[in-house]
Protein backbone atom coordinates (compact mmCIF):
# COMPACT_ATOMS: atom_id res chain seq x y z
CA MET A 1 119.48 -29.18 -107.80
CA ASP A 2 119.62 -31.75 -105.00
CA LYS A 3 122.67 -33.94 -104.28
CA THR A 4 121.28 -37.01 -106.07
CA GLN A 5 120.50 -35.11 -109.27
CA LEU A 6 123.80 -33.23 -109.19
CA ARG A 7 125.73 -36.47 -108.61
CA ARG A 8 123.96 -38.19 -111.51
CA THR A 9 124.56 -35.25 -113.89
CA LEU A 10 128.26 -34.90 -113.04
CA LEU A 11 128.95 -38.65 -113.15
CA LYS A 12 127.33 -38.83 -116.58
CA LYS A 13 129.45 -35.90 -117.78
CA ARG A 14 132.62 -37.42 -116.35
CA GLN A 15 131.97 -40.84 -117.86
CA SER A 16 131.22 -39.35 -121.28
CA MET A 17 134.67 -37.69 -121.38
CA PRO A 18 136.80 -39.16 -124.20
CA ILE A 19 139.58 -41.38 -122.82
CA GLN A 20 142.36 -39.20 -124.27
CA GLU A 21 140.90 -36.06 -122.63
CA TRP A 22 140.47 -37.97 -119.32
CA ARG A 23 144.11 -39.12 -119.49
CA GLU A 24 145.43 -35.61 -120.31
CA LYS A 25 143.40 -33.93 -117.56
CA SER A 26 144.39 -36.63 -115.05
CA ASP A 27 148.07 -36.12 -115.92
CA ARG A 28 147.69 -32.34 -115.49
CA ILE A 29 146.10 -32.86 -112.07
CA CYS A 30 149.04 -35.07 -111.08
CA SER A 31 151.47 -32.36 -112.23
CA GLN A 32 149.56 -29.72 -110.26
CA LEU A 33 149.64 -31.88 -107.12
CA GLN A 34 153.37 -32.58 -107.55
CA ALA A 35 153.97 -28.82 -107.59
CA SER A 36 152.01 -28.22 -104.37
CA ALA A 37 153.61 -27.61 -101.00
CA LEU A 38 151.13 -29.89 -99.19
CA PHE A 39 152.11 -32.77 -101.47
CA ASN A 40 155.83 -32.12 -101.34
CA GLN A 41 155.95 -31.81 -97.54
CA ALA A 42 154.03 -35.07 -97.02
CA LYS A 43 155.80 -38.32 -96.31
CA THR A 44 152.74 -40.59 -96.04
CA ILE A 45 149.83 -39.86 -98.38
CA LEU A 46 146.45 -41.57 -98.47
CA ALA A 47 145.07 -41.84 -102.00
CA TYR A 48 142.60 -43.82 -104.09
CA PHE A 49 142.50 -46.04 -107.16
CA SER A 50 140.38 -44.41 -109.87
CA VAL A 51 136.97 -45.83 -110.75
CA ARG A 52 134.20 -44.49 -113.00
CA GLN A 53 136.64 -42.14 -114.73
CA GLU A 54 137.67 -40.31 -111.56
CA PRO A 55 140.89 -38.36 -112.04
CA ASP A 56 143.58 -41.04 -112.31
CA LEU A 57 146.43 -40.47 -109.86
CA THR A 58 148.49 -43.52 -110.91
CA ALA A 59 151.33 -41.29 -112.19
CA LEU A 60 151.93 -40.17 -108.58
CA PHE A 61 152.35 -43.65 -107.10
CA ALA A 62 155.85 -44.16 -108.48
CA GLU A 63 157.04 -41.31 -106.21
CA THR A 64 159.42 -43.26 -104.01
CA ARG A 65 159.88 -40.45 -101.48
CA HIS A 66 156.26 -40.96 -100.40
CA ARG A 67 154.64 -43.85 -98.58
CA TRP A 68 151.21 -44.57 -100.03
CA GLY A 69 148.08 -45.70 -98.23
CA PHE A 70 144.89 -46.97 -99.84
CA PRO A 71 141.52 -47.81 -98.32
CA ARG A 72 139.59 -50.98 -97.88
CA CYS A 73 135.89 -50.66 -97.17
CA VAL A 74 135.17 -52.64 -94.03
CA GLY A 75 131.56 -52.33 -92.91
CA LYS A 76 130.83 -48.59 -92.87
CA SER A 77 134.48 -47.60 -92.36
CA LEU A 78 137.66 -47.16 -94.35
CA VAL A 79 140.71 -49.11 -93.18
CA TRP A 80 143.98 -47.74 -94.58
CA HIS A 81 146.77 -50.04 -95.72
CA LEU A 82 150.31 -49.36 -96.82
CA TRP A 83 150.72 -50.10 -100.53
CA ILE A 84 153.91 -50.27 -102.57
CA PRO A 85 153.71 -50.39 -106.39
CA GLY A 86 153.68 -54.04 -107.34
CA ASP A 87 151.82 -55.15 -104.18
CA SER A 88 148.75 -57.25 -104.89
CA LEU A 89 145.31 -55.69 -105.13
CA GLN A 90 141.84 -57.20 -105.02
CA MET A 91 138.48 -56.00 -106.22
CA GLY A 92 136.42 -54.62 -103.32
CA SER A 93 132.67 -54.66 -102.85
CA TYR A 94 132.17 -51.35 -104.73
CA GLY A 95 134.25 -52.38 -107.74
CA ILE A 96 137.26 -50.46 -106.39
CA TYR A 97 140.72 -51.98 -106.20
CA GLU A 98 141.85 -52.41 -102.61
CA PRO A 99 145.06 -53.56 -100.93
CA ASP A 100 145.24 -57.11 -99.67
CA PRO A 101 143.57 -57.40 -96.22
CA ASP A 102 146.87 -58.72 -94.85
CA ALA A 103 148.83 -55.63 -96.00
CA PRO A 104 150.13 -53.52 -93.08
CA THR A 105 147.64 -50.95 -91.80
CA LEU A 106 148.61 -47.30 -91.38
CA ASP A 107 148.42 -45.53 -88.05
CA PRO A 108 146.65 -42.15 -88.41
CA CYS A 109 149.53 -40.42 -86.60
CA THR A 110 151.86 -41.31 -89.52
CA VAL A 111 149.61 -39.78 -92.20
CA ASP A 112 150.50 -36.33 -93.59
CA LEU A 113 147.96 -35.83 -96.39
CA ILE A 114 144.71 -37.33 -97.68
CA LEU A 115 143.79 -37.11 -101.38
CA VAL A 116 140.02 -37.42 -101.40
CA PRO A 117 138.08 -38.75 -104.41
CA SER A 118 135.06 -36.59 -105.18
CA VAL A 119 132.23 -36.30 -107.67
CA ALA A 120 132.33 -32.51 -107.14
CA CYS A 121 133.80 -29.92 -104.79
CA ASP A 122 132.85 -26.33 -104.15
CA ARG A 123 134.71 -23.13 -103.36
CA GLN A 124 134.04 -23.57 -99.63
CA GLY A 125 135.85 -26.91 -99.67
CA TYR A 126 132.78 -29.12 -99.43
CA ARG A 127 132.67 -32.25 -101.54
CA LEU A 128 130.00 -34.33 -103.14
CA GLY A 129 130.90 -38.00 -102.91
CA TYR A 130 129.03 -41.10 -103.97
CA GLY A 131 126.60 -40.95 -101.05
CA GLY A 132 128.03 -43.64 -98.77
CA GLY A 133 129.43 -41.19 -96.20
CA TYR A 134 132.76 -43.05 -95.83
CA TYR A 135 134.97 -39.96 -96.03
CA ASP A 136 132.67 -37.75 -93.94
CA ARG A 137 132.70 -40.39 -91.18
CA LEU A 138 136.48 -40.74 -91.44
CA LEU A 139 137.15 -37.00 -91.38
CA SER A 140 134.88 -36.45 -88.39
CA LEU A 141 136.99 -38.78 -86.21
CA PRO A 142 139.46 -37.03 -83.85
CA GLU A 143 142.45 -39.01 -85.13
CA TRP A 144 141.72 -37.91 -88.73
CA ASN A 145 140.07 -34.48 -88.56
CA THR A 146 143.35 -32.54 -88.33
CA LYS A 147 144.95 -34.21 -91.35
CA PRO A 148 145.33 -31.97 -94.42
CA THR A 149 142.86 -32.97 -97.15
CA ILE A 150 142.78 -32.27 -100.87
CA GLY A 151 139.72 -32.93 -102.99
CA VAL A 152 140.54 -34.06 -106.53
CA VAL A 153 138.10 -33.24 -109.34
CA PHE A 154 138.05 -32.20 -112.96
CA GLY A 155 137.48 -28.49 -113.54
CA PHE A 156 133.85 -28.88 -114.64
CA ALA A 157 133.08 -30.42 -111.22
CA TYR A 158 134.60 -27.53 -109.24
CA LEU A 159 131.44 -25.56 -108.49
CA PRO A 160 130.58 -22.29 -106.74
CA GLN A 161 128.44 -24.18 -104.22
CA ILE A 162 127.02 -27.65 -103.64
CA PRO A 163 124.19 -28.67 -101.28
CA ILE A 164 125.58 -29.60 -97.87
CA GLN A 165 124.34 -31.45 -94.81
CA PRO A 166 125.42 -30.88 -91.18
CA TRP A 167 127.66 -33.98 -91.25
CA ASP A 168 129.58 -32.91 -94.39
CA GLN A 169 133.26 -32.30 -93.65
CA PRO A 170 135.01 -29.52 -95.62
CA LEU A 171 138.38 -30.19 -97.26
CA ASP A 172 141.45 -27.98 -96.93
CA ALA A 173 142.04 -27.59 -100.67
CA VAL A 174 140.69 -28.67 -104.04
CA TYR A 175 142.84 -29.46 -107.09
CA THR A 176 141.74 -29.61 -110.71
CA GLU A 177 143.72 -29.73 -113.94
CA TRP A 178 143.98 -25.94 -113.58
CA GLY A 179 145.67 -26.12 -110.18
CA MET A 180 144.45 -25.35 -106.69
CA GLY A 181 140.93 -23.95 -106.53
CA ASP A 182 140.31 -20.82 -104.54
CA ARG A 183 138.53 -21.10 -101.19
CA GLN A 184 136.13 -18.21 -100.59
C-alpha cells in the first residue's frame, strides 16, 4: 500500500473511533509519556494541539515543571512559540490551533524533547504524517536533528513497516496507549 492509501485508511479508522475510546486511549498515552524518562528529564517540550482525532495530549499541558512550545505554520516551516495554559490561540491555515504570532519564540538550544504528531509510525521509527513535510524539514535542520523525538500514535497505527522516502527522518521513540514501541 502506498503512503496516500495508507494515510487515507488510517485517518478513516482514527476518525471512526468512538469519542469515549479516543479519550481513554489518549489519556493512557499521556500516562505512558508521563512515566517515560525522556519526558521526565525534559524541561522544554514541543507538542501539538490535536486535530482529526489525533491522540489528545491536553492532559500533559498542565505540567508546570515543563515549558511548552507549539508550532505555527509559516510558509513551509514550523515556527515554535512558548505557550502557557490560558494563553490565547488562533486557528491556523490547516485548521490547527496555533499560538498567537506575538507569543515568544523558542530557541532550538532550549528544547529538550519533541512530541511529533503522526498518522502512523513503524518499528524503525519512521512516521507517516499528513504529507506536507513540515516535520521532516524541521528534523533535517542541524539545530533540530539532535533533539530527542517521540512519535505519538494509537496502537492500531503502530505498524511493522511503512513506505519511506529518502527525506523521511526517523524518530527516537514511538508511544502508544500500550507504552513505548520497540525499535527493531
